[in-house]
Amino acid sequence: MLDSAMPATTTAPAAPCDTASIHHKRASVEVPTLLLIVIAYGGWLLTTAAYGRWPLWVVAPIVVVLLTLHSSLQHEIIHGHPTRWGWINRLLGMVPLSLWLPFERYRHNHLEHHIDERLTDPLDDSESYYRTPEDWARLQPISRVLLHVQQTLAGRVVIGSFWRIAVFLRIELRAVIRNEKRVRAIWIEHLLWCVPAILWLTLVCRMPLWIYIVAMVIPANGVVLIRSFAEHRARPESRHRTALVERAWLLGPLFLFNNLHALHHESPAIPWYQYNARYRVERDRLIAKNGGLVYSTYFDVARRFLFRPHDVVRHPTGRVPQANLSPLWPARDELSPRLARPIF
């Protein structure tokens, strides 16, 4: 039996309390987040400009940290931070430091992911790593092996860093050809935003683009995958599908405390710098709500799953059942091709 089939904590969760929600009044401008955005962009400019004067083994890790922070900030921006004005937030998140991911595609896919009733569904949840039985049957043997290896933390970080980008770009290429959901316009805008970033790297910093991608962008993607690795698991009850990683004092700040993922899915309007205080108040209720899916630290996640599978690749029920369907298997004619994965 896989570890994911067992509770992630041995402490029985307390009963839910009546104070299930603390009202939160959002500030018009969240100054801590704005300061972090300045640090992320300013730090990226300064560090990349030091290429050639500082050794690569100094520049690359700093840029990896900044790219990871930038990804976390984009995630924060998608949920309506740091101002009450959407056009300002969008402008703050549009600059594609990672180059491969258009902000608007990230925003659309991630907000779909926040439909909790469809969490982990292989087709409806664009961030799911599960496959339908039909997809699995069509996969080549090497693809099955690679997907299975990515159910371990080591495989997700090492192989998944490349795999995630390749799969995304292949899906996007098909969407661009078909012009689904105005994807062409989104990609044109994205590529225009890429131009100043690429010119800065190649002309000002004199950095070969392949070094930036291989030594910085892909490793940063691997760090992001540490966060997402154990965030969700397929379970019948939607509230039990989202995990909590406590005491993440090393990676937590870099992820803007999205390690408290069940809290984030419940209240995405809370700014990152209020997560820990809110969690201390609501901890017992949140653990009861998510069925005790709690890891003490990311070291705990690594101890369990570094070389052992977190879960199976095939979704246990094929699809997440619709509310009006059998709890064991959804109707096959409701499969939607719009998010079908490419077969490798």
C-alpha atoms as a PDB file:
ATOM      1  CA  MET A   1       0.000   0.000   0.000  1.00  0.00           C
ATOM      2  CA  LEU A   2       1.265   3.459  -0.854  1.00  0.00           C
ATOM      3  CA  ASP A   3       1.939   5.964   1.882  1.00  0.00           C
ATOM      4  CA  SER A   4      -0.647   8.266   0.339  1.00  0.00           C
ATOM      5  CA  ALA A   5      -3.291   5.762   1.345  1.00  0.00           C
ATOM      6  CA  MET A   6      -2.383   6.312   4.979  1.00  0.00           C
ATOM      7  CA  PRO A   7      -2.941   9.456   7.038  1.00  0.00           C
ATOM      8  CA  ALA A   8      -0.076  11.909   6.733  1.00  0.00           C
ATOM      9  CA  THR A   9      -0.283  12.627  10.449  1.00  0.00           C
ATOM     10  CA  THR A  10      -0.756  10.288  13.358  1.00  0.00           C
ATOM     11  CA  THR A  11      -2.635  12.885  15.383  1.00  0.00           C
ATOM     12  CA  ALA A  12      -6.379  12.535  15.133  1.00  0.00           C
ATOM     13  CA  PRO A  13      -7.898  15.789  13.934  1.00  0.00           C
ATOM     14  CA  ALA A  14     -10.084  17.699  16.315  1.00  0.00           C
ATOM     15  CA  ALA A  15     -13.773  18.130  15.643  1.00  0.00           C
ATOM     16  CA  PRO A  16     -14.704  21.073  13.463  1.00  0.00           C
ATOM     17  CA  CYS A  17     -15.417  24.252  15.338  1.00  0.00           C
ATOM     18  CA  ASP A  18     -18.260  26.679  14.709  1.00  0.00           C
ATOM     19  CA  THR A  19     -15.861  29.500  13.999  1.00  0.00           C
ATOM     20  CA  ALA A  20     -15.191  28.102  10.566  1.00  0.00           C
ATOM     21  CA  SER A  21     -14.472  31.415   8.968  1.00  0.00           C
ATOM     22  CA  ILE A  22     -12.844  34.606  10.108  1.00  0.00           C
ATOM     23  CA  HIS A  23     -13.999  37.618   8.129  1.00  0.00           C
ATOM     24  CA  HIS A  24     -11.175  39.283   6.300  1.00  0.00           C
ATOM     25  CA  LYS A  25     -11.256  42.845   5.029  1.00  0.00           C
ATOM     26  CA  ARG A  26      -8.843  43.269   2.158  1.00  0.00           C
ATOM     27  CA  ALA A  27      -6.612  46.297   1.939  1.00  0.00           C
ATOM     28  CA  SER A  28      -6.760  48.434  -1.190  1.00  0.00           C
ATOM     29  CA  VAL A  29      -3.003  48.044  -1.539  1.00  0.00           C
ATOM     30  CA  GLU A  30      -1.011  45.242   0.100  1.00  0.00           C
ATOM     31  CA  VAL A  31       2.328  46.934   0.709  1.00  0.00           C
ATOM     32  CA  PRO A  32       4.326  43.802   1.706  1.00  0.00           C
ATOM     33  CA  THR A  33       3.419  42.142  -1.585  1.00  0.00           C
ATOM     34  CA  LEU A  34       4.320  45.250  -3.584  1.00  0.00           C
ATOM     35  CA  LEU A  35       7.702  45.360  -1.846  1.00  0.00           C
ATOM     36  CA  LEU A  36       8.308  41.704  -2.712  1.00  0.00           C
ATOM     37  CA  ILE A  37       7.453  42.397  -6.345  1.00  0.00           C
ATOM     38  CA  VAL A  38      10.045  45.194  -6.390  1.00  0.00           C
ATOM     39  CA  ILE A  39      12.592  42.843  -4.782  1.00  0.00           C
ATOM     40  CA  ALA A  40      11.851  40.056  -7.298  1.00  0.00           C
ATOM     41  CA  TYR A  41      12.149  42.211 -10.417  1.00  0.00           C
ATOM     42  CA  GLY A  42      14.962  44.388  -9.072  1.00  0.00           C
ATOM     43  CA  GLY A  43      16.904  41.392  -7.826  1.00  0.00           C
ATOM     44  CA  TRP A  44      16.486  39.651 -11.170  1.00  0.00           C
ATOM     45  CA  LEU A  45      17.830  42.693 -13.061  1.00  0.00           C
ATOM     46  CA  LEU A  46      20.800  43.125 -10.736  1.00  0.00           C
ATOM     47  CA  THR A  47      21.737  39.448 -10.573  1.00  0.00           C
ATOM     48  CA  THR A  48      21.444  38.736 -14.284  1.00  0.00           C
ATOM     49  CA  ALA A  49      23.455  41.903 -14.979  1.00  0.00           C
ATOM     50  CA  ALA A  50      26.226  40.434 -12.809  1.00  0.00           C
ATOM     51  CA  TYR A  51      26.614  37.501 -15.199  1.00  0.00           C
ATOM     52  CA  GLY A  52      30.172  37.534 -16.467  1.00  0.00           C
ATOM     53  CA  ARG A  53      31.442  39.352 -13.384  1.00  0.00           C
ATOM     54  CA  TRP A  54      30.133  36.821 -10.854  1.00  0.00           C
ATOM     55  CA  PRO A  55      30.675  33.085 -11.377  1.00  0.00           C
ATOM     56  CA  LEU A  56      27.725  31.110 -12.724  1.00  0.00           C
ATOM     57  CA  TRP A  57      27.551  29.047  -9.537  1.00  0.00           C
ATOM     58  CA  VAL A  58      26.685  32.268  -7.700  1.00  0.00           C
ATOM     59  CA  VAL A  59      24.387  33.853 -10.295  1.00  0.00           C
ATOM     60  CA  ALA A  60      22.348  30.740 -11.120  1.00  0.00           C
ATOM     61  CA  PRO A  61      21.144  29.839  -7.586  1.00  0.00           C
ATOM     62  CA  ILE A  62      20.171  33.455  -6.855  1.00  0.00           C
ATOM     63  CA  VAL A  63      18.193  33.689 -10.100  1.00  0.00           C
ATOM     64  CA  VAL A  64      16.553  30.316  -9.366  1.00  0.00           C
ATOM     65  CA  VAL A  65      15.342  31.679  -6.020  1.00  0.00           C
ATOM     66  CA  LEU A  66      14.104  34.889  -7.672  1.00  0.00           C
ATOM     67  CA  LEU A  67      12.287  32.991 -10.436  1.00  0.00           C
ATOM     68  CA  THR A  68      10.624  30.782  -7.836  1.00  0.00           C
ATOM     69  CA  LEU A  69       9.579  33.865  -5.880  1.00  0.00           C
ATOM     70  CA  HIS A  70       8.296  35.456  -9.082  1.00  0.00           C
ATOM     71  CA  SER A  71       6.181  32.360  -9.768  1.00  0.00           C
ATOM     72  CA  SER A  72       4.761  32.579  -6.239  1.00  0.00           C
ATOM     73  CA  LEU A  73       3.988  36.261  -6.764  1.00  0.00           C
ATOM     74  CA  GLN A  74       2.228  35.532 -10.053  1.00  0.00           C
ATOM     75  CA  HIS A  75       0.126  32.986  -8.176  1.00  0.00           C
ATOM     76  CA  GLU A  76      -0.697  35.639  -5.577  1.00  0.00           C
ATOM     77  CA  ILE A  77      -1.605  38.126  -8.308  1.00  0.00           C
ATOM     78  CA  ILE A  78      -3.944  35.627  -9.978  1.00  0.00           C
ATOM     79  CA  HIS A  79      -6.002  35.622  -6.780  1.00  0.00           C
ATOM     80  CA  GLY A  80      -6.523  39.381  -6.776  1.00  0.00           C
ATOM     81  CA  HIS A  81      -3.456  40.642  -4.961  1.00  0.00           C
ATOM     82  CA  PRO A  82      -1.811  43.068  -4.250  1.00  0.00           C
ATOM     83  CA  THR A  83      -4.275  45.850  -5.181  1.00  0.00           C
ATOM     84  CA  ARG A  84      -8.005  46.189  -5.700  1.00  0.00           C
ATOM     85  CA  TRP A  85      -7.414  47.185  -9.340  1.00  0.00           C
ATOM     86  CA  GLY A  86      -7.192  44.217 -11.677  1.00  0.00           C
ATOM     87  CA  TRP A  87      -5.387  46.025 -14.483  1.00  0.00           C
ATOM     88  CA  ILE A  88      -2.576  47.028 -12.127  1.00  0.00           C
ATOM     89  CA  ASN A  89      -2.279  43.502 -10.786  1.00  0.00           C
ATOM     90  CA  ARG A  90      -2.175  42.105 -14.304  1.00  0.00           C
ATOM     91  CA  LEU A  91       0.564  44.525 -15.294  1.00  0.00           C
ATOM     92  CA  LEU A  92       2.614  43.482 -12.262  1.00  0.00           C
ATOM     93  CA  GLY A  93       2.338  39.804 -13.172  1.00  0.00           C
ATOM     94  CA  MET A  94       2.696  39.926 -16.948  1.00  0.00           C
ATOM     95  CA  VAL A  95       6.501  40.095 -17.232  1.00  0.00           C
ATOM     96  CA  PRO A  96       7.497  36.521 -18.203  1.00  0.00           C
ATOM     97  CA  LEU A  97      10.795  36.006 -16.391  1.00  0.00           C
ATOM     98  CA  SER A  98      10.481  32.240 -16.908  1.00  0.00           C
ATOM     99  CA  LEU A  99       9.769  32.823 -20.635  1.00  0.00           C
ATOM    100  CA  TRP A 100       7.743  29.632 -21.219  1.00  0.00           C
ATOM    101  CA  LEU A 101       4.499  30.358 -19.322  1.00  0.00           C
ATOM    102  CA  PRO A 102       2.067  33.086 -20.479  1.00  0.00           C
ATOM    103  CA  PHE A 103       0.516  34.783 -17.469  1.00  0.00           C
ATOM    104  CA  GLU A 104      -3.000  34.672 -18.942  1.00  0.00           C
ATOM    105  CA  ARG A 105      -2.785  30.938 -19.586  1.00  0.00           C
ATOM    106  CA  TYR A 106      -1.511  30.384 -16.061  1.00  0.00           C
ATOM    107  CA  ARG A 107      -4.355  32.513 -14.697  1.00  0.00           C
ATOM    108  CA  HIS A 108      -7.050  30.704 -16.660  1.00  0.00           C
ATOM    109  CA  ASN A 109      -5.772  27.217 -15.867  1.00  0.00           C
ATOM    110  CA  HIS A 110      -5.153  27.954 -12.213  1.00  0.00           C
ATOM    111  CA  LEU A 111      -8.613  29.404 -11.614  1.00  0.00           C
ATOM    112  CA  GLU A 112     -10.048  26.248 -13.200  1.00  0.00           C
ATOM    113  CA  HIS A 113      -7.937  24.279 -10.739  1.00  0.00           C
ATOM    114  CA  HIS A 114      -9.682  26.133  -7.897  1.00  0.00           C
ATOM    115  CA  ILE A 115     -13.017  24.494  -8.666  1.00  0.00           C
ATOM    116  CA  ASP A 116     -12.570  22.207  -5.676  1.00  0.00           C
ATOM    117  CA  GLU A 117     -15.318  19.777  -6.704  1.00  0.00           C
ATOM    118  CA  ARG A 118     -13.190  18.847  -9.748  1.00  0.00           C
ATOM    119  CA  LEU A 119      -9.814  18.718  -7.981  1.00  0.00           C
ATOM    120  CA  THR A 120      -7.526  15.916  -9.255  1.00  0.00           C
ATOM    121  CA  ASP A 121      -9.803  15.147 -12.207  1.00  0.00           C
ATOM    122  CA  PRO A 122      -7.528  14.145 -15.103  1.00  0.00           C
ATOM    123  CA  LEU A 123      -9.375  16.377 -17.593  1.00  0.00           C
ATOM    124  CA  ASP A 124     -11.145  19.121 -15.657  1.00  0.00           C
ATOM    125  CA  ASP A 125      -8.261  19.954 -13.310  1.00  0.00           C
ATOM    126  CA  SER A 126      -5.509  21.378 -15.515  1.00  0.00           C
ATOM    127  CA  GLU A 127      -2.950  20.892 -12.717  1.00  0.00           C
ATOM    128  CA  SER A 128      -3.762  17.222 -12.124  1.00  0.00           C
ATOM    129  CA  TYR A 129      -1.051  14.605 -12.609  1.00  0.00           C
ATOM    130  CA  TYR A 130      -3.578  11.781 -12.798  1.00  0.00           C
ATOM    131  CA  ARG A 131      -4.519  10.058 -16.050  1.00  0.00           C
ATOM    132  CA  THR A 132      -7.763   8.518 -17.267  1.00  0.00           C
ATOM    133  CA  PRO A 133      -7.723   4.775 -18.042  1.00  0.00           C
ATOM    134  CA  GLU A 134      -8.090   5.652 -21.740  1.00  0.00           C
ATOM    135  CA  ASP A 135      -5.039   7.929 -21.683  1.00  0.00           C
ATOM    136  CA  TRP A 136      -3.037   5.351 -19.772  1.00  0.00           C
ATOM    137  CA  ALA A 137      -3.929   2.610 -22.277  1.00  0.00           C
ATOM    138  CA  ARG A 138      -2.652   4.759 -25.163  1.00  0.00           C
ATOM    139  CA  LEU A 139       0.668   5.645 -23.546  1.00  0.00           C
ATOM    140  CA  GLN A 140       3.913   4.184 -24.780  1.00  0.00           C
ATOM    141  CA  PRO A 141       5.781   1.981 -22.240  1.00  0.00           C
ATOM    142  CA  ILE A 142       8.543   4.571 -21.788  1.00  0.00           C
ATOM    143  CA  SER A 143       5.948   7.248 -21.018  1.00  0.00           C
ATOM    144  CA  ARG A 144       4.326   5.016 -18.404  1.00  0.00           C
ATOM    145  CA  VAL A 145       7.703   4.500 -16.748  1.00  0.00           C
ATOM    146  CA  LEU A 146       8.479   8.240 -16.758  1.00  0.00           C
ATOM    147  CA  LEU A 147       5.062   9.128 -15.353  1.00  0.00           C
ATOM    148  CA  HIS A 148       5.416   6.498 -12.646  1.00  0.00           C
ATOM    149  CA  VAL A 149       8.862   7.810 -11.698  1.00  0.00           C
ATOM    150  CA  GLN A 150       7.364  11.294 -11.395  1.00  0.00           C
ATOM    151  CA  GLN A 151       5.136  10.009  -8.610  1.00  0.00           C
ATOM    152  CA  THR A 152       8.283  10.135  -6.479  1.00  0.00           C
ATOM    153  CA  LEU A 153       9.586  13.493  -5.302  1.00  0.00           C
ATOM    154  CA  ALA A 154      12.977  12.912  -6.915  1.00  0.00           C
ATOM    155  CA  GLY A 155      11.387  12.026 -10.231  1.00  0.00           C
ATOM    156  CA  ARG A 156       8.992  14.967 -10.110  1.00  0.00           C
ATOM    157  CA  VAL A 157      11.801  17.455  -9.525  1.00  0.00           C
ATOM    158  CA  VAL A 158      14.394  15.987 -11.904  1.00  0.00           C
ATOM    159  CA  ILE A 159      12.253  14.648 -14.771  1.00  0.00           C
ATOM    160  CA  GLY A 160       9.164  16.742 -14.134  1.00  0.00           C
ATOM    161  CA  SER A 161      11.099  19.981 -14.513  1.00  0.00           C
ATOM    162  CA  PHE A 162      11.485  19.192 -18.216  1.00  0.00           C
ATOM    163  CA  TRP A 163       8.295  17.166 -18.634  1.00  0.00           C
ATOM    164  CA  ARG A 164       5.963  19.867 -17.318  1.00  0.00           C
ATOM    165  CA  ILE A 165       7.290  22.445 -19.777  1.00  0.00           C
ATOM    166  CA  ALA A 166       7.287  20.031 -22.721  1.00  0.00           C
ATOM    167  CA  VAL A 167       3.725  18.840 -22.082  1.00  0.00           C
ATOM    168  CA  PHE A 168       2.452  22.378 -21.573  1.00  0.00           C
ATOM    169  CA  LEU A 169       4.049  23.682 -24.770  1.00  0.00           C
ATOM    170  CA  ARG A 170       2.757  20.728 -26.779  1.00  0.00           C
ATOM    171  CA  ILE A 171      -0.791  21.328 -25.545  1.00  0.00           C
ATOM    172  CA  GLU A 172      -0.430  25.036 -26.224  1.00  0.00           C
ATOM    173  CA  LEU A 173       0.820  24.433 -29.758  1.00  0.00           C
ATOM    174  CA  ARG A 174      -2.328  22.475 -30.515  1.00  0.00           C
ATOM    175  CA  ALA A 175      -4.454  25.192 -28.934  1.00  0.00           C
ATOM    176  CA  VAL A 176      -2.692  27.879 -30.975  1.00  0.00           C
ATOM    177  CA  ILE A 177      -3.263  25.943 -34.210  1.00  0.00           C
ATOM    178  CA  ARG A 178      -6.967  25.654 -33.368  1.00  0.00           C
ATOM    179  CA  ASN A 179      -7.091  29.145 -31.794  1.00  0.00           C
ATOM    180  CA  GLU A 180      -8.943  27.819 -28.763  1.00  0.00           C
ATOM    181  CA  LYS A 181     -10.038  30.389 -26.175  1.00  0.00           C
ATOM    182  CA  ARG A 182      -8.193  33.218 -27.936  1.00  0.00           C
ATOM    183  CA  VAL A 183      -4.911  31.395 -27.311  1.00  0.00           C
ATOM    184  CA  ARG A 184      -3.225  32.991 -30.315  1.00  0.00           C
ATOM    185  CA  ALA A 185      -3.816  36.494 -28.968  1.00  0.00           C
ATOM    186  CA  ILE A 186      -2.555  35.435 -25.543  1.00  0.00           C
ATOM    187  CA  TRP A 187       0.625  33.968 -27.014  1.00  0.00           C
ATOM    188  CA  ILE A 188       1.261  37.008 -29.220  1.00  0.00           C
ATOM    189  CA  GLU A 189       1.000  39.243 -26.160  1.00  0.00           C
ATOM    190  CA  HIS A 190       3.238  36.874 -24.204  1.00  0.00           C
ATOM    191  CA  LEU A 191       5.919  36.779 -26.890  1.00  0.00           C
ATOM    192  CA  LEU A 192       5.911  40.575 -27.085  1.00  0.00           C
ATOM    193  CA  TRP A 193       6.535  40.684 -23.331  1.00  0.00           C
ATOM    194  CA  CYS A 194       9.337  38.145 -23.794  1.00  0.00           C
ATOM    195  CA  VAL A 195      11.213  40.440 -26.187  1.00  0.00           C
ATOM    196  CA  PRO A 196      12.532  42.934 -23.583  1.00  0.00           C
ATOM    197  CA  ALA A 197      13.454  40.103 -21.190  1.00  0.00           C
ATOM    198  CA  ILE A 198      15.390  38.266 -23.908  1.00  0.00           C
ATOM    199  CA  LEU A 199      17.073  41.459 -25.118  1.00  0.00           C
ATOM    200  CA  TRP A 200      18.112  42.255 -21.549  1.00  0.00           C
ATOM    201  CA  LEU A 201      19.603  38.795 -21.074  1.00  0.00           C
ATOM    202  CA  THR A 202      21.383  38.518 -24.407  1.00  0.00           C
ATOM    203  CA  LEU A 203      22.408  42.105 -25.235  1.00  0.00           C
ATOM    204  CA  VAL A 204      22.846  43.751 -21.842  1.00  0.00           C
ATOM    205  CA  CYS A 205      23.892  40.792 -19.698  1.00  0.00           C
ATOM    206  CA  ARG A 206      25.651  38.929 -22.526  1.00  0.00           C
ATOM    207  CA  MET A 207      24.131  35.707 -21.236  1.00  0.00           C
ATOM    208  CA  PRO A 208      23.502  32.874 -23.711  1.00  0.00           C
ATOM    209  CA  LEU A 209      19.786  32.111 -23.650  1.00  0.00           C
ATOM    210  CA  TRP A 210      20.414  28.378 -23.326  1.00  0.00           C
ATOM    211  CA  ILE A 211      22.366  28.940 -20.102  1.00  0.00           C
ATOM    212  CA  TYR A 212      19.486  30.978 -18.680  1.00  0.00           C
ATOM    213  CA  ILE A 213      16.985  28.245 -19.556  1.00  0.00           C
ATOM    214  CA  VAL A 214      19.054  25.213 -18.526  1.00  0.00           C
ATOM    215  CA  ALA A 215      20.791  26.630 -15.433  1.00  0.00           C
ATOM    216  CA  MET A 216      18.003  28.860 -14.091  1.00  0.00           C
ATOM    217  CA  VAL A 217      14.523  28.457 -15.599  1.00  0.00           C
ATOM    218  CA  ILE A 218      14.340  24.650 -15.466  1.00  0.00           C
ATOM    219  CA  PRO A 219      15.816  24.369 -11.930  1.00  0.00           C
ATOM    220  CA  ALA A 220      13.354  27.028 -10.715  1.00  0.00           C
ATOM    221  CA  ASN A 221      10.557  24.960 -12.215  1.00  0.00           C
ATOM    222  CA  GLY A 222      11.886  22.018 -10.208  1.00  0.00           C
ATOM    223  CA  VAL A 223      11.714  24.018  -6.975  1.00  0.00           C
ATOM    224  CA  VAL A 224       8.102  24.987  -7.724  1.00  0.00           C
ATOM    225  CA  LEU A 225       7.313  21.300  -8.245  1.00  0.00           C
ATOM    226  CA  ILE A 226       8.458  20.561  -4.679  1.00  0.00           C
ATOM    227  CA  ARG A 227       5.548  22.667  -3.479  1.00  0.00           C
ATOM    228  CA  SER A 228       2.953  21.139  -5.779  1.00  0.00           C
ATOM    229  CA  PHE A 229       4.144  17.535  -5.405  1.00  0.00           C
ATOM    230  CA  ALA A 230       2.020  16.544  -2.395  1.00  0.00           C
ATOM    231  CA  GLU A 231      -0.559  19.339  -2.480  1.00  0.00           C
ATOM    232  CA  HIS A 232      -3.396  17.140  -3.725  1.00  0.00           C
ATOM    233  CA  ARG A 233      -4.428  13.515  -3.822  1.00  0.00           C
ATOM    234  CA  ALA A 234      -7.445  11.748  -5.304  1.00  0.00           C
ATOM    235  CA  ARG A 235     -10.052  11.076  -2.629  1.00  0.00           C
ATOM    236  CA  PRO A 236     -13.862  10.703  -2.721  1.00  0.00           C
ATOM    237  CA  GLU A 237     -14.452  13.741  -0.492  1.00  0.00           C
ATOM    238  CA  SER A 238     -13.319  16.965  -2.182  1.00  0.00           C
ATOM    239  CA  ARG A 239     -12.266  18.521   1.147  1.00  0.00           C
ATOM    240  CA  HIS A 240      -9.847  15.634   1.726  1.00  0.00           C
ATOM    241  CA  ARG A 241      -7.948  16.253  -1.517  1.00  0.00           C
ATOM    242  CA  THR A 242      -5.831  19.204  -0.355  1.00  0.00           C
ATOM    243  CA  ALA A 243      -2.885  18.910   2.008  1.00  0.00           C
ATOM    244  CA  LEU A 244      -1.149  21.048   4.617  1.00  0.00           C
ATOM    245  CA  VAL A 245       2.616  21.222   5.104  1.00  0.00           C
ATOM    246  CA  GLU A 246       3.421  22.765   8.462  1.00  0.00           C
ATOM    247  CA  ARG A 247       6.626  24.393   9.720  1.00  0.00           C
ATOM    248  CA  ALA A 248       7.986  25.079   6.222  1.00  0.00           C
ATOM    249  CA  TRP A 249      10.263  27.854   7.411  1.00  0.00           C
ATOM    250  CA  LEU A 250      12.804  27.338   4.640  1.00  0.00           C
ATOM    251  CA  LEU A 251      10.647  26.905   1.551  1.00  0.00           C
ATOM    252  CA  GLY A 252       7.432  28.372   2.972  1.00  0.00           C
ATOM    253  CA  PRO A 253       8.482  32.029   2.547  1.00  0.00           C
ATOM    254  CA  LEU A 254       9.666  31.291  -0.998  1.00  0.00           C
ATOM    255  CA  PHE A 255       6.258  29.766  -1.748  1.00  0.00           C
ATOM    256  CA  LEU A 256       4.519  32.678   0.052  1.00  0.00           C
ATOM    257  CA  PHE A 257       3.248  30.116   2.548  1.00  0.00           C
ATOM    258  CA  ASN A 258       1.180  28.305  -0.044  1.00  0.00           C
ATOM    259  CA  ASN A 259       2.388  25.185   1.765  1.00  0.00           C
ATOM    260  CA  LEU A 260      -0.721  25.747   3.897  1.00  0.00           C
ATOM    261  CA  HIS A 261      -2.592  24.718   0.804  1.00  0.00           C
ATOM    262  CA  ALA A 262      -5.909  23.690   2.313  1.00  0.00           C
ATOM    263  CA  LEU A 263      -6.141  27.165   3.852  1.00  0.00           C
ATOM    264  CA  HIS A 264      -5.305  28.720   0.486  1.00  0.00           C
ATOM    265  CA  HIS A 265      -8.024  26.762  -1.332  1.00  0.00           C
ATOM    266  CA  GLU A 266     -10.532  27.742   1.314  1.00  0.00           C
ATOM    267  CA  SER A 267      -9.602  31.441   1.434  1.00  0.00           C
ATOM    268  CA  PRO A 268      -7.485  32.561  -1.547  1.00  0.00           C
ATOM    269  CA  ALA A 269      -8.304  36.203  -0.782  1.00  0.00           C
ATOM    270  CA  ILE A 270      -6.032  36.145   2.287  1.00  0.00           C
ATOM    271  CA  PRO A 271      -2.657  37.762   1.533  1.00  0.00           C
ATOM    272  CA  TRP A 272       0.362  35.529   2.018  1.00  0.00           C
ATOM    273  CA  TYR A 273       1.695  37.424   5.039  1.00  0.00           C
ATOM    274  CA  GLN A 274      -1.466  36.647   7.050  1.00  0.00           C
ATOM    275  CA  TYR A 275      -1.466  32.888   6.409  1.00  0.00           C
ATOM    276  CA  ASN A 276       0.471  31.780   9.465  1.00  0.00           C
ATOM    277  CA  ALA A 277      -1.561  33.824  11.946  1.00  0.00           C
ATOM    278  CA  ARG A 278      -4.783  32.602  10.368  1.00  0.00           C
ATOM    279  CA  TYR A 279      -3.544  29.011  10.395  1.00  0.00           C
ATOM    280  CA  ARG A 280      -2.703  29.147  14.104  1.00  0.00           C
ATOM    281  CA  VAL A 281      -6.290  30.154  14.824  1.00  0.00           C
ATOM    282  CA  GLU A 282      -7.931  27.703  12.416  1.00  0.00           C
ATOM    283  CA  ARG A 283      -5.523  24.753  12.568  1.00  0.00           C
ATOM    284  CA  ASP A 284      -7.778  22.212  14.281  1.00  0.00           C
ATOM    285  CA  ARG A 285     -10.728  23.008  12.033  1.00  0.00           C
ATOM    286  CA  LEU A 286      -8.642  22.834   8.848  1.00  0.00           C
ATOM    287  CA  ILE A 287      -7.109  19.481   9.813  1.00  0.00           C
ATOM    288  CA  ALA A 288     -10.548  18.105  10.602  1.00  0.00           C
ATOM    289  CA  LYS A 289     -11.852  19.435   7.306  1.00  0.00           C
ATOM    290  CA  ASN A 290      -9.089  17.928   5.143  1.00  0.00           C
ATOM    291  CA  GLY A 291      -9.199  14.544   6.873  1.00  0.00           C
ATOM    292  CA  GLY A 292      -5.835  14.884   8.600  1.00  0.00           C
ATOM    293  CA  LEU A 293      -3.761  15.211   5.417  1.00  0.00           C
ATOM    294  CA  VAL A 294      -0.886  16.998   7.143  1.00  0.00           C
ATOM    295  CA  TYR A 295       2.892  16.802   6.721  1.00  0.00           C
ATOM    296  CA  SER A 296       5.109  18.239   9.400  1.00  0.00           C
ATOM    297  CA  THR A 297       7.656  19.747   6.955  1.00  0.00           C
ATOM    298  CA  TYR A 298       8.859  19.319   3.382  1.00  0.00           C
ATOM    299  CA  PHE A 299      11.544  17.087   4.877  1.00  0.00           C
ATOM    300  CA  ASP A 300       8.673  14.867   6.007  1.00  0.00           C
ATOM    301  CA  VAL A 301       7.359  14.797   2.425  1.00  0.00           C
ATOM    302  CA  ALA A 302      10.856  13.899   1.185  1.00  0.00           C
ATOM    303  CA  ARG A 303      11.276  11.211   3.851  1.00  0.00           C
ATOM    304  CA  ARG A 304       8.080   9.519   2.709  1.00  0.00           C
ATOM    305  CA  PHE A 305       8.201  10.005  -1.028  1.00  0.00           C
ATOM    306  CA  LEU A 306      11.708  10.879  -2.222  1.00  0.00           C
ATOM    307  CA  PHE A 307      12.020   7.483  -3.920  1.00  0.00           C
ATOM    308  CA  ARG A 308       8.570   6.049  -3.179  1.00  0.00           C
ATOM    309  CA  PRO A 309       5.342   6.883  -5.085  1.00  0.00           C
ATOM    310  CA  HIS A 310       3.035   9.462  -3.590  1.00  0.00           C
ATOM    311  CA  ASP A 311       0.107   7.915  -5.467  1.00  0.00           C
ATOM    312  CA  VAL A 312      -0.786   5.996  -8.599  1.00  0.00           C
ATOM    313  CA  VAL A 313      -0.823   7.600 -12.045  1.00  0.00           C
ATOM    314  CA  ARG A 314      -4.245   6.345 -13.103  1.00  0.00           C
ATOM    315  CA  HIS A 315      -7.034   8.146 -11.290  1.00  0.00           C
ATOM    316  CA  PRO A 316      -8.637   5.679  -8.844  1.00  0.00           C
ATOM    317  CA  THR A 317     -12.119   6.225 -10.354  1.00  0.00           C
ATOM    318  CA  GLY A 318     -11.063   7.244 -13.837  1.00  0.00           C
ATOM    319  CA  ARG A 319     -12.652  10.679 -13.401  1.00  0.00           C
ATOM    320  CA  VAL A 320     -13.809  12.658 -10.397  1.00  0.00           C
ATOM    321  CA  PRO A 321     -17.517  11.734 -10.191  1.00  0.00           C
ATOM    322  CA  GLN A 322     -20.106  14.387 -10.941  1.00  0.00           C
ATOM    323  CA  ALA A 323     -22.502  15.115  -8.081  1.00  0.00           C
ATOM    324  CA  ASN A 324     -25.442  13.455  -9.822  1.00  0.00           C
ATOM    325  CA  LEU A 325     -23.528  10.381 -10.980  1.00  0.00           C
ATOM    326  CA  SER A 326     -22.430   7.138  -9.411  1.00  0.00           C
ATOM    327  CA  PRO A 327     -19.733   7.652  -6.775  1.00  0.00           C
ATOM    328  CA  LEU A 328     -17.732   4.856  -8.390  1.00  0.00           C
ATOM    329  CA  TRP A 329     -17.492   5.890 -12.034  1.00  0.00           C
ATOM    330  CA  PRO A 330     -18.690   8.899 -14.041  1.00  0.00           C
ATOM    331  CA  ALA A 331     -20.455   8.611 -17.359  1.00  0.00           C
ATOM    332  CA  ARG A 332     -17.921   8.189 -20.143  1.00  0.00           C
ATOM    333  CA  ASP A 333     -19.819  10.436 -22.579  1.00  0.00           C
ATOM    334  CA  GLU A 334     -19.062  13.404 -20.350  1.00  0.00           C
ATOM    335  CA  LEU A 335     -15.355  13.244 -21.074  1.00  0.00           C
ATOM    336  CA  SER A 336     -14.300  16.626 -22.382  1.00  0.00           C
ATOM    337  CA  PRO A 337     -11.596  16.737 -25.061  1.00  0.00           C
ATOM    338  CA  ARG A 338     -10.703  20.379 -24.343  1.00  0.00           C
ATOM    339  CA  LEU A 339      -8.060  19.506 -21.747  1.00  0.00           C
ATOM    340  CA  ALA A 340      -6.998  16.181 -23.162  1.00  0.00           C
ATOM    341  CA  ARG A 341      -3.315  15.509 -22.508  1.00  0.00           C
ATOM    342  CA  PRO A 342      -0.869  14.793 -25.314  1.00  0.00           C
ATOM    343  CA  ILE A 343       0.214  11.185 -25.477  1.00  0.00           C
ATOM    344  CA  PHE A 344       3.999  10.737 -25.136  1.00  0.00           C
END
